[in-house]
Amino acid sequence: MKKIIILSDTHKNQELIQKVFANEQDFTHVIHLGDVYEDLNNNSNINIKVKLHRVPGIFHPGYKEGTVPAILKIDIDNWRFVLAHRIEDLLKIKNTSDIYLYGHTHHWSYECIDNKYFINPGHLKAKEDRGRKASYVVMFIDKEIIDIQFKYIDGKIFKQKKIKKM
């Protein structure tokens, strides 16, 4: 089973990023959905065994110039993911992925449309931003089921969903 931490809109807030890593142990992947792309560089919590997947936010020069891909497709344990900072970028592509991850809005969300799951973990910009508390997502993945946990910065789960492979 894989354990994935999903972060977005960190905006250089290393204090909140470190709180997430203090809450979580034994994770195998970290997904960062932008703003700021470099926030996880040289982070001691992401060791050589942890796979880091990330996309830039809209203010990153690589996003603006097209030199850093705005959309990333990855496979983890028989599940196909598409990552982007903005949902608008996800909607531009035709894809048969299972899970679509995005950020940008600073509002967590979970939607299922035509057996495709759209998930936004929220933000780690500040303890509260745009009327929402800081939040992130942890996924436990195996070949047939994903357990999704939306968590506040204190590590408490405030929403949980399970997805079964179709």
Protein backbone atom coordinates (compact mmCIF):
# COMPACT_ATOMS: atom_id res chain seq x y z
CA MET A 1 0.00 0.00 0.00
CA LYS A 2 1.24 3.49 -0.88
CA LYS A 3 0.75 6.59 1.25
CA ILE A 4 0.63 9.86 -0.65
CA ILE A 5 0.68 13.38 0.74
CA ILE A 6 -0.94 15.97 -1.53
CA LEU A 7 -0.17 19.66 -1.00
CA SER A 8 -1.09 22.80 -2.87
CA ASP A 9 -0.67 26.55 -2.68
CA THR A 10 2.12 26.49 -0.13
CA HIS A 11 3.34 30.00 -1.06
CA LYS A 12 6.72 29.56 0.68
CA ASN A 13 5.11 28.74 4.03
CA GLN A 14 7.71 26.29 5.32
CA GLU A 15 6.19 26.31 8.81
CA LEU A 16 2.92 24.75 7.60
CA ILE A 17 4.72 22.37 5.24
CA GLN A 18 6.78 21.11 8.18
CA LYS A 19 3.62 20.65 10.27
CA VAL A 20 2.23 18.36 7.57
CA PHE A 21 5.41 16.28 7.59
CA ALA A 22 5.35 16.18 11.39
CA ASN A 23 1.79 14.78 11.22
CA GLU A 24 2.55 12.10 8.65
CA GLN A 25 5.02 9.22 8.67
CA ASP A 26 5.89 6.43 6.26
CA PHE A 27 4.68 8.20 3.14
CA THR A 28 5.90 6.97 -0.22
CA HIS A 29 4.95 9.89 -2.47
CA VAL A 30 4.49 13.65 -2.19
CA ILE A 31 2.45 15.52 -4.78
CA HIS A 32 2.80 19.31 -4.86
CA LEU A 33 0.32 21.21 -7.01
CA GLY A 34 2.02 24.55 -7.29
CA ASP A 35 2.55 27.92 -5.85
CA VAL A 36 5.55 27.73 -5.20
CA TYR A 37 7.20 24.98 -7.32
CA GLU A 38 10.49 25.14 -5.39
CA ASP A 39 8.92 24.91 -1.90
CA LEU A 40 9.96 21.28 -1.46
CA ASN A 41 13.52 21.63 -2.75
CA ASN A 42 16.11 20.53 -0.21
CA ASN A 43 13.44 19.36 2.22
CA SER A 44 14.87 16.77 4.60
CA ASN A 45 11.45 15.08 4.97
CA ILE A 46 11.58 13.98 1.35
CA ASN A 47 14.30 11.37 1.28
CA ILE A 48 15.62 9.32 -1.61
CA LYS A 49 12.87 6.69 -1.12
CA VAL A 50 10.02 9.21 -1.42
CA LYS A 51 8.84 10.04 -4.92
CA LEU A 52 8.15 13.73 -5.50
CA HIS A 53 5.74 14.77 -8.25
CA ARG A 54 5.01 18.44 -8.83
CA VAL A 55 3.63 21.02 -11.21
CA PRO A 56 4.21 24.78 -11.23
CA GLY A 57 1.71 27.44 -10.24
CA ILE A 58 0.62 30.20 -12.59
CA PHE A 59 3.23 32.68 -11.34
CA HIS A 60 6.17 30.37 -12.00
CA PRO A 61 8.27 31.54 -14.99
CA GLY A 62 8.31 27.97 -16.31
CA TYR A 63 4.51 27.87 -16.33
CA LYS A 64 4.27 31.21 -18.14
CA GLU A 65 6.95 30.32 -20.68
CA GLY A 66 5.93 26.68 -21.09
CA THR A 67 9.36 25.38 -20.06
CA VAL A 68 7.99 23.43 -17.07
CA PRO A 69 5.01 21.19 -17.91
CA ALA A 70 1.76 22.55 -16.43
CA ILE A 71 0.21 19.07 -16.58
CA LEU A 72 1.78 15.88 -15.29
CA LYS A 73 0.43 12.34 -15.75
CA ILE A 74 1.52 9.63 -13.31
CA ASP A 75 0.55 6.06 -12.46
CA ILE A 76 0.57 4.71 -8.91
CA ASP A 77 -0.54 1.12 -8.16
CA ASN A 78 -2.85 0.72 -11.15
CA TRP A 79 -4.39 4.20 -10.72
CA ARG A 80 -3.88 6.96 -13.27
CA PHE A 81 -3.49 10.53 -12.04
CA VAL A 82 -3.34 13.87 -13.81
CA LEU A 83 -1.87 16.82 -11.91
CA ALA A 84 -2.21 20.53 -12.66
CA HIS A 85 -2.31 23.73 -10.69
CA ARG A 86 -5.52 25.00 -12.28
CA ILE A 87 -8.61 22.95 -13.06
CA GLU A 88 -8.83 24.89 -16.33
CA ASP A 89 -5.61 23.18 -17.44
CA LEU A 90 -7.07 19.77 -16.59
CA LEU A 91 -10.21 20.48 -18.58
CA LYS A 92 -8.16 21.17 -21.72
CA ILE A 93 -7.03 17.57 -22.02
CA LYS A 94 -8.92 14.47 -23.03
CA ASN A 95 -7.80 11.69 -20.78
CA THR A 96 -8.95 8.43 -19.29
CA SER A 97 -7.36 9.00 -15.90
CA ASP A 98 -9.02 8.03 -12.65
CA ILE A 99 -7.98 10.95 -10.44
CA TYR A 100 -7.54 14.62 -11.36
CA LEU A 101 -5.63 16.70 -8.81
CA TYR A 102 -5.49 20.48 -8.83
CA GLY A 103 -5.08 23.50 -6.56
CA HIS A 104 -5.15 27.26 -7.19
CA THR A 105 -8.49 28.09 -5.54
CA HIS A 106 -7.29 27.60 -1.93
CA HIS A 107 -10.60 25.77 -1.34
CA TRP A 108 -10.56 22.00 -0.81
CA SER A 109 -13.00 20.06 -2.94
CA TYR A 110 -14.02 16.56 -3.96
CA GLU A 111 -16.21 15.87 -6.99
CA CYS A 112 -17.03 12.75 -8.99
CA ILE A 113 -18.08 13.41 -12.58
CA ASP A 114 -18.59 10.44 -14.93
CA ASN A 115 -16.49 8.17 -12.67
CA LYS A 116 -13.61 10.65 -12.72
CA TYR A 117 -12.58 12.17 -9.42
CA PHE A 118 -11.53 15.81 -9.14
CA ILE A 119 -9.71 16.62 -5.90
CA ASN A 120 -8.29 19.87 -4.56
CA PRO A 121 -6.44 19.55 -1.22
CA GLY A 122 -6.92 23.22 -0.32
CA HIS A 123 -3.97 25.41 0.66
CA LEU A 124 -1.04 25.79 3.03
CA LYS A 125 -0.56 29.53 2.43
CA ALA A 126 -1.51 30.53 5.98
CA LYS A 127 -3.49 29.09 8.89
CA GLU A 128 -6.52 30.59 7.15
CA ASP A 129 -6.87 32.08 3.67
CA ARG A 130 -9.90 33.05 1.58
CA GLY A 131 -12.16 31.94 4.41
CA ARG A 132 -10.72 28.43 4.55
CA LYS A 133 -8.45 26.75 7.08
CA ALA A 134 -5.14 25.32 5.86
CA SER A 135 -5.62 21.75 4.61
CA TYR A 136 -4.02 18.91 2.72
CA VAL A 137 -4.90 15.39 1.55
CA VAL A 138 -3.49 11.98 2.42
CA MET A 139 -4.29 9.03 0.17
CA PHE A 140 -3.75 5.38 0.99
CA ILE A 141 -3.62 3.53 -2.32
CA ASP A 142 -3.71 -0.09 -3.29
CA LYS A 143 -4.65 -1.65 -6.61
CA GLU A 144 -8.41 -1.70 -5.92
CA ILE A 145 -9.18 1.04 -3.35
CA ILE A 146 -8.09 4.58 -2.51
CA ASP A 147 -8.82 5.94 0.95
CA ILE A 148 -8.84 9.76 0.74
CA GLN A 149 -8.45 11.81 3.90
CA PHE A 150 -8.80 15.59 3.91
CA LYS A 151 -6.96 16.96 6.92
CA TYR A 152 -6.52 20.28 8.64
CA ILE A 153 -3.02 21.37 9.60
CA ASP A 154 -3.41 19.81 13.06
CA GLY A 155 -3.74 16.42 11.34
CA LYS A 156 -7.45 15.96 12.12
CA ILE A 157 -9.52 14.39 9.36
CA PHE A 158 -12.51 16.54 8.37
CA LYS A 159 -13.64 14.59 5.29
CA GLN A 160 -12.98 11.04 4.16
CA LYS A 161 -13.92 9.17 0.98
CA LYS A 162 -13.16 5.75 -0.46
CA ILE A 163 -12.94 5.05 -4.17
CA LYS A 164 -13.15 1.56 -5.65
CA LYS A 165 -11.53 0.78 -8.97
CA MET A 166 -14.08 0.43 -11.76
